[in-house]
Amino acid sequence: DNTVMRTVISFALFAVFSAVLLAGDPETLLRVEVRNTKGKPIEQATVILDFLGDRNYMKLGKREKIHYEVRTNQEGLAKFPTIPQGKVRVQVTARRYQTFGDVYEVREPEKTLTVKLNPPQDQYSAHED
């Protein structure tokens, strides 16, 4: 009688904890839009995404490493698979433009980041006359 009650309570607690552990962390469908200073899309830019983590997103005590590298399409859009919500580092490189990099906090189910790339600056030399 007492053993049956303990078994039922143990099973109920196990079920609750299992449901909590199996419930997925919130995720974001992230897109990065790459444009020049005149607002025109930049095609074939390389967009690198690194998930930096979140104190809530752990797998067996270790942060899961998430890294993607994609190119923009004709509309200047880079699309990524869903990622956990938290901090991400975005780096963008394209021929004839300055490299861009920044860290973002992502907490929405869907997010589009707009990145504006600047043209390259003139080269300077300390050795010129």
N, C-alpha and C. Protein backbone atom coordinates (compact mmCIF):
# COMPACT_ATOMS: atom_id res chain seq x y z
N ASP A 1 0.85 -1.19 0.00
CA ASP A 1 0.00 0.00 0.00
C ASP A 1 0.89 1.24 0.00
N ASN A 2 1.82 1.33 0.97
CA ASN A 2 2.76 2.44 1.02
C ASN A 2 3.77 2.36 -0.14
N THR A 3 4.17 1.14 -0.51
CA THR A 3 5.12 0.92 -1.61
C THR A 3 4.49 1.33 -2.94
N VAL A 4 3.22 1.01 -3.12
CA VAL A 4 2.51 1.37 -4.35
C VAL A 4 2.44 2.90 -4.47
N MET A 5 2.15 3.57 -3.36
CA MET A 5 2.06 5.03 -3.38
C MET A 5 3.42 5.64 -3.72
N ARG A 6 4.50 5.12 -3.15
CA ARG A 6 5.85 5.62 -3.48
C ARG A 6 6.17 5.42 -4.95
N THR A 7 5.80 4.28 -5.49
CA THR A 7 6.07 3.98 -6.90
C THR A 7 5.31 4.96 -7.79
N VAL A 8 4.06 5.22 -7.47
CA VAL A 8 3.25 6.15 -8.27
C VAL A 8 3.84 7.56 -8.20
N ILE A 9 4.23 8.00 -7.01
CA ILE A 9 4.82 9.34 -6.86
C ILE A 9 6.16 9.41 -7.60
N SER A 10 6.98 8.38 -7.48
CA SER A 10 8.27 8.35 -8.18
C SER A 10 8.08 8.42 -9.68
N PHE A 11 7.11 7.65 -10.19
CA PHE A 11 6.84 7.67 -11.63
C PHE A 11 6.35 9.04 -12.07
N ALA A 12 5.49 9.66 -11.29
CA ALA A 12 4.97 10.99 -11.63
C ALA A 12 6.10 12.03 -11.66
N LEU A 13 6.99 12.00 -10.67
CA LEU A 13 8.13 12.93 -10.65
C LEU A 13 9.04 12.69 -11.84
N PHE A 14 9.29 11.41 -12.16
CA PHE A 14 10.12 11.07 -13.31
C PHE A 14 9.52 11.63 -14.59
N ALA A 15 8.21 11.50 -14.75
CA ALA A 15 7.51 11.99 -15.94
C ALA A 15 7.62 13.51 -16.05
N VAL A 16 7.46 14.21 -14.94
CA VAL A 16 7.54 15.67 -14.94
C VAL A 16 8.96 16.12 -15.30
N PHE A 17 9.98 15.53 -14.67
CA PHE A 17 11.36 15.91 -14.97
C PHE A 17 11.74 15.57 -16.40
N SER A 18 11.28 14.44 -16.91
CA SER A 18 11.56 14.07 -18.30
C SER A 18 10.95 15.08 -19.26
N ALA A 19 9.72 15.50 -18.98
CA ALA A 19 9.06 16.48 -19.85
C ALA A 19 9.82 17.80 -19.85
N VAL A 20 10.33 18.21 -18.69
CA VAL A 20 11.08 19.46 -18.59
C VAL A 20 12.39 19.35 -19.37
N LEU A 21 13.08 18.21 -19.25
CA LEU A 21 14.35 18.04 -19.94
C LEU A 21 14.17 17.91 -21.44
N LEU A 22 13.08 17.29 -21.89
CA LEU A 22 12.87 17.09 -23.31
C LEU A 22 12.28 18.31 -24.00
N ALA A 23 11.69 19.21 -23.22
CA ALA A 23 11.15 20.44 -23.81
C ALA A 23 12.31 21.21 -24.42
N GLY A 24 12.21 21.51 -25.69
CA GLY A 24 13.32 22.17 -26.37
C GLY A 24 13.54 23.59 -25.88
N ASP A 25 14.77 24.02 -25.99
CA ASP A 25 15.09 25.41 -25.68
C ASP A 25 14.47 26.28 -26.77
N PRO A 26 14.13 27.53 -26.45
CA PRO A 26 13.57 28.41 -27.49
C PRO A 26 14.58 28.61 -28.61
N GLU A 27 14.09 28.58 -29.83
CA GLU A 27 14.96 28.72 -31.00
C GLU A 27 14.56 29.92 -31.83
N THR A 28 15.48 30.33 -32.70
CA THR A 28 15.28 31.47 -33.59
C THR A 28 15.61 31.08 -35.02
N LEU A 29 14.77 31.49 -35.94
CA LEU A 29 15.07 31.36 -37.36
C LEU A 29 15.73 32.68 -37.76
N LEU A 30 17.03 32.64 -38.01
CA LEU A 30 17.81 33.85 -38.23
C LEU A 30 18.14 34.04 -39.70
N ARG A 31 18.01 35.29 -40.14
CA ARG A 31 18.43 35.69 -41.49
C ARG A 31 19.31 36.92 -41.35
N VAL A 32 20.28 37.05 -42.26
CA VAL A 32 21.13 38.24 -42.27
C VAL A 32 21.03 38.84 -43.66
N GLU A 33 20.65 40.11 -43.69
CA GLU A 33 20.51 40.86 -44.94
C GLU A 33 21.74 41.75 -45.09
N VAL A 34 22.46 41.61 -46.20
CA VAL A 34 23.71 42.35 -46.41
C VAL A 34 23.50 43.37 -47.54
N ARG A 35 23.77 44.64 -47.22
CA ARG A 35 23.58 45.73 -48.19
C ARG A 35 24.81 46.63 -48.19
N ASN A 36 24.95 47.40 -49.27
CA ASN A 36 26.01 48.41 -49.30
C ASN A 36 25.48 49.71 -48.72
N THR A 37 26.30 50.74 -48.68
CA THR A 37 25.89 52.00 -48.05
C THR A 37 24.76 52.70 -48.81
N LYS A 38 24.53 52.30 -50.07
CA LYS A 38 23.43 52.87 -50.85
C LYS A 38 22.16 52.03 -50.74
N GLY A 39 22.21 50.96 -49.92
CA GLY A 39 21.03 50.13 -49.71
C GLY A 39 20.84 49.00 -50.71
N LYS A 40 21.80 48.81 -51.61
CA LYS A 40 21.69 47.75 -52.61
C LYS A 40 22.19 46.43 -52.02
N PRO A 41 21.54 45.29 -52.37
CA PRO A 41 21.97 44.00 -51.84
C PRO A 41 23.35 43.60 -52.35
N ILE A 42 24.11 42.92 -51.51
CA ILE A 42 25.43 42.41 -51.89
C ILE A 42 25.31 40.89 -52.04
N GLU A 43 25.49 40.42 -53.28
CA GLU A 43 25.38 39.00 -53.59
C GLU A 43 26.71 38.30 -53.32
N GLN A 44 26.66 37.05 -52.90
CA GLN A 44 27.83 36.20 -52.67
C GLN A 44 28.74 36.68 -51.53
N ALA A 45 28.20 37.46 -50.60
CA ALA A 45 28.97 37.81 -49.40
C ALA A 45 29.00 36.58 -48.50
N THR A 46 30.11 36.38 -47.80
CA THR A 46 30.21 35.26 -46.86
C THR A 46 29.74 35.74 -45.49
N VAL A 47 28.78 35.02 -44.91
CA VAL A 47 28.25 35.36 -43.59
C VAL A 47 28.56 34.19 -42.65
N ILE A 48 29.31 34.49 -41.59
CA ILE A 48 29.70 33.47 -40.62
C ILE A 48 28.93 33.73 -39.33
N LEU A 49 28.31 32.68 -38.82
CA LEU A 49 27.51 32.77 -37.60
C LEU A 49 28.07 31.81 -36.56
N ASP A 50 28.39 32.33 -35.38
CA ASP A 50 28.83 31.50 -34.26
C ASP A 50 27.89 31.73 -33.09
N PHE A 51 27.34 30.64 -32.57
CA PHE A 51 26.50 30.72 -31.37
C PHE A 51 27.43 30.81 -30.18
N LEU A 52 27.36 31.92 -29.43
CA LEU A 52 28.25 32.13 -28.30
C LEU A 52 27.69 31.56 -27.01
N GLY A 53 26.40 31.28 -27.01
CA GLY A 53 25.85 30.60 -25.85
C GLY A 53 24.83 31.38 -25.09
N ASP A 54 24.34 30.69 -24.11
CA ASP A 54 23.32 31.21 -23.24
C ASP A 54 23.41 30.38 -21.97
N ARG A 55 23.26 30.99 -20.84
CA ARG A 55 23.40 30.21 -19.61
C ARG A 55 22.33 29.12 -19.52
N ASN A 56 21.24 29.25 -20.30
CA ASN A 56 20.18 28.24 -20.28
C ASN A 56 20.43 27.11 -21.27
N TYR A 57 21.38 27.28 -22.21
CA TYR A 57 21.55 26.29 -23.27
C TYR A 57 22.81 25.47 -23.01
N MET A 58 22.63 24.34 -22.37
CA MET A 58 23.75 23.47 -22.05
C MET A 58 23.37 22.04 -22.43
N LYS A 59 24.34 21.26 -22.89
CA LYS A 59 24.16 19.85 -23.15
C LYS A 59 25.13 19.09 -22.28
N LEU A 60 24.62 18.44 -21.26
CA LEU A 60 25.45 17.69 -20.31
C LEU A 60 26.57 18.54 -19.74
N GLY A 61 26.26 19.78 -19.41
CA GLY A 61 27.22 20.67 -18.78
C GLY A 61 28.17 21.37 -19.73
N LYS A 62 28.08 21.06 -21.04
CA LYS A 62 28.97 21.70 -22.02
C LYS A 62 28.13 22.53 -22.99
N ARG A 63 28.69 23.64 -23.40
CA ARG A 63 28.00 24.47 -24.39
C ARG A 63 28.15 23.79 -25.74
N GLU A 64 27.06 23.69 -26.47
CA GLU A 64 27.11 23.07 -27.79
C GLU A 64 27.70 24.06 -28.79
N LYS A 65 28.68 23.62 -29.56
CA LYS A 65 29.31 24.51 -30.54
C LYS A 65 28.47 24.53 -31.81
N ILE A 66 28.04 25.72 -32.18
CA ILE A 66 27.25 25.90 -33.40
C ILE A 66 27.96 26.93 -34.26
N HIS A 67 28.29 26.53 -35.50
CA HIS A 67 29.02 27.40 -36.42
C HIS A 67 28.46 27.16 -37.83
N TYR A 68 28.09 28.25 -38.50
CA TYR A 68 27.61 28.16 -39.88
C TYR A 68 28.35 29.17 -40.72
N GLU A 69 28.55 28.82 -41.98
CA GLU A 69 29.13 29.74 -42.96
C GLU A 69 28.32 29.60 -44.24
N VAL A 70 27.63 30.68 -44.63
CA VAL A 70 26.78 30.65 -45.82
C VAL A 70 27.06 31.89 -46.68
N ARG A 71 26.58 31.85 -47.90
CA ARG A 71 26.71 33.00 -48.81
C ARG A 71 25.34 33.62 -49.04
N THR A 72 25.36 34.93 -49.31
CA THR A 72 24.10 35.62 -49.58
C THR A 72 23.61 35.29 -50.98
N ASN A 73 22.30 35.36 -51.16
CA ASN A 73 21.70 35.14 -52.48
C ASN A 73 21.63 36.47 -53.24
N GLN A 74 20.89 36.49 -54.35
CA GLN A 74 20.80 37.70 -55.19
C GLN A 74 20.18 38.87 -54.45
N GLU A 75 19.32 38.58 -53.46
CA GLU A 75 18.69 39.65 -52.68
C GLU A 75 19.56 40.08 -51.50
N GLY A 76 20.78 39.53 -51.41
CA GLY A 76 21.68 39.88 -50.31
C GLY A 76 21.29 39.22 -49.00
N LEU A 77 20.54 38.11 -49.06
CA LEU A 77 20.01 37.45 -47.87
C LEU A 77 20.75 36.15 -47.60
N ALA A 78 21.18 35.96 -46.36
CA ALA A 78 21.78 34.71 -45.90
C ALA A 78 20.79 34.06 -44.94
N LYS A 79 20.44 32.80 -45.19
CA LYS A 79 19.46 32.09 -44.36
C LYS A 79 20.17 30.98 -43.60
N PHE A 80 19.85 30.87 -42.31
CA PHE A 80 20.46 29.86 -41.44
C PHE A 80 19.39 28.91 -40.92
N PRO A 81 19.80 27.68 -40.57
CA PRO A 81 18.86 26.79 -39.87
C PRO A 81 18.53 27.40 -38.51
N THR A 82 17.49 26.89 -37.85
CA THR A 82 17.14 27.43 -36.54
C THR A 82 18.29 27.22 -35.56
N ILE A 83 18.49 28.21 -34.70
CA ILE A 83 19.55 28.16 -33.70
C ILE A 83 18.93 28.45 -32.33
N PRO A 84 19.57 28.02 -31.25
CA PRO A 84 19.06 28.36 -29.92
C PRO A 84 19.11 29.87 -29.71
N GLN A 85 18.20 30.38 -28.90
CA GLN A 85 18.23 31.80 -28.58
C GLN A 85 19.38 32.08 -27.62
N GLY A 86 20.00 33.25 -27.78
CA GLY A 86 21.14 33.64 -26.97
C GLY A 86 22.03 34.58 -27.76
N LYS A 87 23.32 34.63 -27.39
CA LYS A 87 24.26 35.52 -28.08
C LYS A 87 24.86 34.83 -29.30
N VAL A 88 24.92 35.59 -30.41
CA VAL A 88 25.55 35.10 -31.64
C VAL A 88 26.54 36.14 -32.14
N ARG A 89 27.62 35.66 -32.74
CA ARG A 89 28.57 36.55 -33.40
C ARG A 89 28.35 36.40 -34.90
N VAL A 90 28.19 37.53 -35.57
CA VAL A 90 28.00 37.56 -37.02
C VAL A 90 29.18 38.28 -37.65
N GLN A 91 29.82 37.63 -38.63
CA GLN A 91 30.91 38.24 -39.38
C GLN A 91 30.54 38.17 -40.86
N VAL A 92 30.79 39.27 -41.58
CA VAL A 92 30.44 39.33 -43.00
C VAL A 92 31.66 39.83 -43.78
N THR A 93 32.00 39.09 -44.84
CA THR A 93 33.08 39.51 -45.74
C THR A 93 32.56 39.47 -47.17
N ALA A 94 33.03 40.41 -47.96
CA ALA A 94 32.67 40.46 -49.38
C ALA A 94 33.78 41.17 -50.12
N ARG A 95 34.01 40.74 -51.35
CA ARG A 95 35.04 41.40 -52.17
C ARG A 95 34.71 42.87 -52.33
N ARG A 96 35.72 43.69 -52.24
CA ARG A 96 35.63 45.14 -52.42
C ARG A 96 34.82 45.84 -51.32
N TYR A 97 34.72 45.21 -50.14
CA TYR A 97 34.04 45.83 -49.00
C TYR A 97 34.84 45.55 -47.73
N GLN A 98 34.67 46.44 -46.74
CA GLN A 98 35.29 46.21 -45.44
C GLN A 98 34.58 45.06 -44.72
N THR A 99 35.35 44.30 -43.96
CA THR A 99 34.78 43.21 -43.17
C THR A 99 33.96 43.79 -42.02
N PHE A 100 32.86 43.11 -41.70
CA PHE A 100 31.97 43.53 -40.62
C PHE A 100 31.89 42.42 -39.58
N GLY A 101 31.80 42.81 -38.31
CA GLY A 101 31.59 41.82 -37.26
C GLY A 101 30.93 42.46 -36.05
N ASP A 102 29.99 41.72 -35.44
CA ASP A 102 29.33 42.23 -34.23
C ASP A 102 28.67 41.06 -33.51
N VAL A 103 28.32 41.29 -32.25
CA VAL A 103 27.63 40.30 -31.42
C VAL A 103 26.21 40.79 -31.18
N TYR A 104 25.27 39.87 -31.31
CA TYR A 104 23.85 40.20 -31.13
C TYR A 104 23.22 39.27 -30.10
N GLU A 105 22.25 39.79 -29.39
CA GLU A 105 21.42 38.99 -28.48
C GLU A 105 20.14 38.66 -29.24
N VAL A 106 19.85 37.37 -29.42
CA VAL A 106 18.69 36.94 -30.20
C VAL A 106 17.70 36.27 -29.26
N ARG A 107 16.50 36.85 -29.15
CA ARG A 107 15.47 36.33 -28.24
C ARG A 107 14.11 36.13 -28.91
N GLU A 108 14.03 36.36 -30.22
CA GLU A 108 12.75 36.26 -30.92
C GLU A 108 12.68 34.94 -31.68
N PRO A 109 11.46 34.46 -32.01
CA PRO A 109 11.33 33.23 -32.80
C PRO A 109 11.87 33.39 -34.23
N GLU A 110 11.77 34.62 -34.78
CA GLU A 110 12.32 34.93 -36.10
C GLU A 110 13.00 36.28 -36.03
N LYS A 111 14.16 36.40 -36.68
CA LYS A 111 14.87 37.68 -36.64
C LYS A 111 15.65 37.86 -37.94
N THR A 112 15.61 39.08 -38.48
CA THR A 112 16.42 39.45 -39.64
C THR A 112 17.34 40.58 -39.23
N LEU A 113 18.64 40.35 -39.33
CA LEU A 113 19.63 41.39 -39.03
C LEU A 113 20.03 42.04 -40.35
N THR A 114 20.10 43.37 -40.37
CA THR A 114 20.55 44.08 -41.57
C THR A 114 21.95 44.60 -41.32
N VAL A 115 22.87 44.23 -42.22
CA VAL A 115 24.27 44.63 -42.12
C VAL A 115 24.60 45.51 -43.32
N LYS A 116 25.18 46.67 -43.06
CA LYS A 116 25.63 47.56 -44.14
C LYS A 116 27.14 47.49 -44.22
N LEU A 117 27.65 47.12 -45.41
CA LEU A 117 29.10 47.05 -45.62
C LEU A 117 29.60 48.33 -46.26
N ASN A 118 30.73 48.81 -45.75
CA ASN A 118 31.35 50.03 -46.28
C ASN A 118 32.37 49.67 -47.35
N PRO A 119 32.59 50.58 -48.30
CA PRO A 119 33.66 50.34 -49.28
C PRO A 119 35.02 50.37 -48.58
N PRO A 120 36.03 49.80 -49.22
CA PRO A 120 37.35 49.79 -48.57
C PRO A 120 37.92 51.19 -48.41
N GLN A 121 38.73 51.37 -47.37
CA GLN A 121 39.40 52.66 -47.18
C GLN A 121 40.71 52.66 -47.93
N ASP A 122 41.20 53.87 -48.22
CA ASP A 122 42.50 53.98 -48.87
C ASP A 122 43.58 53.41 -47.97
N GLN A 123 44.60 52.84 -48.60
CA GLN A 123 45.73 52.30 -47.85
C GLN A 123 46.70 53.42 -47.51
N TYR A 124 47.23 53.38 -46.30
CA TYR A 124 48.21 54.37 -45.86
C TYR A 124 49.52 53.68 -45.58
N SER A 125 50.60 54.39 -45.80
CA SER A 125 51.92 53.84 -45.51
C SER A 125 52.74 54.87 -44.76
N ALA A 126 53.43 54.44 -43.73
CA ALA A 126 54.31 55.33 -42.97
C ALA A 126 55.63 55.56 -43.68
N HIS A 127 55.86 54.81 -44.76
CA HIS A 127 57.15 54.87 -45.45
C HIS A 127 57.15 55.73 -46.71
N GLU A 128 55.99 56.36 -46.99
CA GLU A 128 55.94 57.18 -48.21
C GLU A 128 56.65 58.53 -47.96
N ASP A 129 57.13 59.11 -49.03
CA ASP A 129 57.83 60.42 -48.93
C ASP A 129 56.85 61.54 -48.81
